[in-house]
């Protein structure tokens, strides 16, 4: 028959080891969770930065196209006025 003190010490040892392993696992999971959260945050910031760059590029493109359309419209108006003068038999002023 095993000695009572031997059994008690084994039970207490198991409790201590189990508690230590539980604490270690809890700490490791906390560290892993923090790392994962920081990684997700970095990824989100990178995506937002890329969206900002794309938005700025699209804005520049839109403004360039708008300026080009404005210039084309101006040239079209000038051509219509010139054709109007020519249709009336007048020489347009430049």
C-alpha atoms as a PDB file:
ATOM      1  CA  UNK A   1       0.000   0.000   0.000  1.00  0.00           C
ATOM      2  CA  UNK A   2       1.447   3.318  -1.045  1.00  0.00           C
ATOM      3  CA  UNK A   3       2.438   5.740   1.607  1.00  0.00           C
ATOM      4  CA  UNK A   4      -0.166   8.515   2.163  1.00  0.00           C
ATOM      5  CA  UNK A   5       2.497  11.230   2.056  1.00  0.00           C
ATOM      6  CA  UNK A   6       3.755   9.869  -1.226  1.00  0.00           C
ATOM      7  CA  UNK A   7       0.261  10.008  -2.749  1.00  0.00           C
ATOM      8  CA  UNK A   8      -0.375  13.497  -1.353  1.00  0.00           C
ATOM      9  CA  UNK A   9       2.948  14.766  -2.705  1.00  0.00           C
ATOM     10  CA  UNK A  10       2.210  13.275  -6.136  1.00  0.00           C
ATOM     11  CA  UNK A  11      -1.245  14.876  -6.191  1.00  0.00           C
ATOM     12  CA  UNK A  12       0.164  18.236  -5.082  1.00  0.00           C
ATOM     13  CA  UNK A  13       2.981  17.918  -7.604  1.00  0.00           C
ATOM     14  CA  UNK A  14       0.452  17.210 -10.341  1.00  0.00           C
ATOM     15  CA  UNK A  15      -1.577  20.237  -9.295  1.00  0.00           C
ATOM     16  CA  UNK A  16       1.520  22.468  -9.278  1.00  0.00           C
ATOM     17  CA  UNK A  17       2.729  21.168 -12.649  1.00  0.00           C
ATOM     18  CA  UNK A  18      -0.775  21.460 -14.122  1.00  0.00           C
ATOM     19  CA  UNK A  19      -1.135  25.002 -12.810  1.00  0.00           C
ATOM     20  CA  UNK A  20       2.301  25.961 -14.145  1.00  0.00           C
ATOM     21  CA  UNK A  21       1.487  24.478 -17.551  1.00  0.00           C
ATOM     22  CA  UNK A  22      -1.882  26.243 -17.561  1.00  0.00           C
ATOM     23  CA  UNK A  23      -0.256  29.573 -16.727  1.00  0.00           C
ATOM     24  CA  UNK A  24       2.424  29.037 -19.367  1.00  0.00           C
ATOM     25  CA  UNK A  25      -0.193  28.147 -21.965  1.00  0.00           C
ATOM     26  CA  UNK A  26      -2.304  31.161 -21.002  1.00  0.00           C
ATOM     27  CA  UNK A  27       0.731  33.463 -21.313  1.00  0.00           C
ATOM     28  CA  UNK A  28       1.742  31.925 -24.667  1.00  0.00           C
ATOM     29  CA  UNK A  29      -1.777  32.315 -26.047  1.00  0.00           C
ATOM     30  CA  UNK A  30      -1.828  35.942 -24.880  1.00  0.00           C
ATOM     31  CA  UNK A  31       1.485  36.639 -26.622  1.00  0.00           C
ATOM     32  CA  UNK A  32       0.278  34.890 -29.769  1.00  0.00           C
ATOM     33  CA  UNK A  33      -2.991  36.829 -29.721  1.00  0.00           C
ATOM     34  CA  UNK A  34      -1.133  40.147 -29.300  1.00  0.00           C
ATOM     35  CA  UNK A  35       1.194  39.265 -32.184  1.00  0.00           C
ATOM     36  CA  UNK A  36      -1.748  38.328 -34.399  1.00  0.00           C
ATOM     37  CA  UNK A  37      -3.567  41.549 -33.527  1.00  0.00           C
ATOM     38  CA  UNK A  38      -0.478  43.665 -34.335  1.00  0.00           C
ATOM     39  CA  UNK A  39      -0.070  41.790 -37.630  1.00  0.00           C
ATOM     40  CA  UNK A  40      -3.690  42.391 -38.589  1.00  0.00           C
ATOM     41  CA  UNK A  41      -3.305  46.059 -37.677  1.00  0.00           C
ATOM     42  CA  UNK A  42      -0.183  46.373 -39.868  1.00  0.00           C
ATOM     43  CA  UNK A  43      -2.008  44.682 -42.747  1.00  0.00           C
ATOM     44  CA  UNK A  44      -4.979  47.008 -42.340  1.00  0.00           C
ATOM     45  CA  UNK A  45      -2.700  50.066 -42.302  1.00  0.00           C
ATOM     46  CA  UNK A  46      -0.931  48.824 -45.437  1.00  0.00           C
ATOM     47  CA  UNK A  47      -4.260  48.315 -47.206  1.00  0.00           C
ATOM     48  CA  UNK A  48      -5.457  51.779 -46.159  1.00  0.00           C
ATOM     49  CA  UNK A  49      -2.197  53.336 -47.396  1.00  0.00           C
ATOM     50  CA  UNK A  50      -2.589  51.570 -50.750  1.00  0.00           C
ATOM     51  CA  UNK A  51      -6.190  52.789 -50.983  1.00  0.00           C
ATOM     52  CA  UNK A  52      -5.025  56.345 -50.246  1.00  0.00           C
ATOM     53  CA  UNK A  53      -2.382  56.113 -52.990  1.00  0.00           C
ATOM     54  CA  UNK A  54      -4.920  54.706 -55.446  1.00  0.00           C
ATOM     55  CA  UNK A  55      -7.435  57.397 -54.530  1.00  0.00           C
ATOM     56  CA  UNK A  56      -4.848  60.140 -55.119  1.00  0.00           C
ATOM     57  CA  UNK A  57      -3.877  58.593 -58.452  1.00  0.00           C
ATOM     58  CA  UNK A  58      -7.514  58.352 -59.551  1.00  0.00           C
ATOM     59  CA  UNK A  59      -8.106  61.938 -58.473  1.00  0.00           C
ATOM     60  CA  UNK A  60      -5.142  63.108 -60.581  1.00  0.00           C
ATOM     61  CA  UNK A  61      -6.420  61.079 -63.535  1.00  0.00           C
ATOM     62  CA  UNK A  62      -9.920  62.535 -63.203  1.00  0.00           C
ATOM     63  CA  UNK A  63      -8.570  66.079 -63.003  1.00  0.00           C
ATOM     64  CA  UNK A  64      -6.319  65.481 -66.026  1.00  0.00           C
ATOM     65  CA  UNK A  65      -9.234  64.071 -68.023  1.00  0.00           C
ATOM     66  CA  UNK A  66     -11.422  66.972 -66.957  1.00  0.00           C
ATOM     67  CA  UNK A  67      -8.805  69.464 -68.126  1.00  0.00           C
ATOM     68  CA  UNK A  68      -8.441  67.608 -71.430  1.00  0.00           C
ATOM     69  CA  UNK A  69     -12.217  67.567 -71.937  1.00  0.00           C
ATOM     70  CA  UNK A  70     -12.348  71.270 -71.145  1.00  0.00           C
ATOM     71  CA  UNK A  71      -9.655  71.964 -73.730  1.00  0.00           C
ATOM     72  CA  UNK A  72     -11.438  69.781 -76.293  1.00  0.00           C
ATOM     73  CA  UNK A  73     -14.723  71.565 -75.604  1.00  0.00           C
ATOM     74  CA  UNK A  74     -13.026  74.929 -76.070  1.00  0.00           C
ATOM     75  CA  UNK A  75     -11.540  73.827 -79.390  1.00  0.00           C
ATOM     76  CA  UNK A  76     -14.931  72.454 -80.491  1.00  0.00           C
ATOM     77  CA  UNK A  77     -16.616  75.777 -79.654  1.00  0.00           C
ATOM     78  CA  UNK A  78     -13.964  77.644 -81.628  1.00  0.00           C
ATOM     79  CA  UNK A  79     -14.469  75.300 -84.595  1.00  0.00           C
ATOM     80  CA  UNK A  80     -18.259  75.777 -84.472  1.00  0.00           C
ATOM     81  CA  UNK A  81     -17.876  79.539 -84.376  1.00  0.00           C
ATOM     82  CA  UNK A  82     -15.434  79.388 -87.292  1.00  0.00           C
ATOM     83  CA  UNK A  83     -17.841  77.193 -89.296  1.00  0.00           C
ATOM     84  CA  UNK A  84     -20.666  79.589 -88.478  1.00  0.00           C
ATOM     85  CA  UNK A  85     -18.652  82.497 -89.863  1.00  0.00           C
ATOM     86  CA  UNK A  86     -17.706  80.510 -92.968  1.00  0.00           C
ATOM     87  CA  UNK A  87     -21.332  79.443 -93.526  1.00  0.00           C
ATOM     88  CA  UNK A  88     -22.344  83.128 -93.561  1.00  0.00           C
ATOM     89  CA  UNK A  89     -19.527  83.905 -95.964  1.00  0.00           C
ATOM     90  CA  UNK A  90     -17.529  85.900 -93.440  1.00  0.00           C
ATOM     91  CA  UNK A  91     -13.900  85.550 -92.552  1.00  0.00           C
ATOM     92  CA  UNK A  92     -13.542  84.687 -88.851  1.00  0.00           C
ATOM     93  CA  UNK A  93     -11.366  86.804 -86.606  1.00  0.00           C
ATOM     94  CA  UNK A  94      -8.524  84.860 -85.007  1.00  0.00           C
END
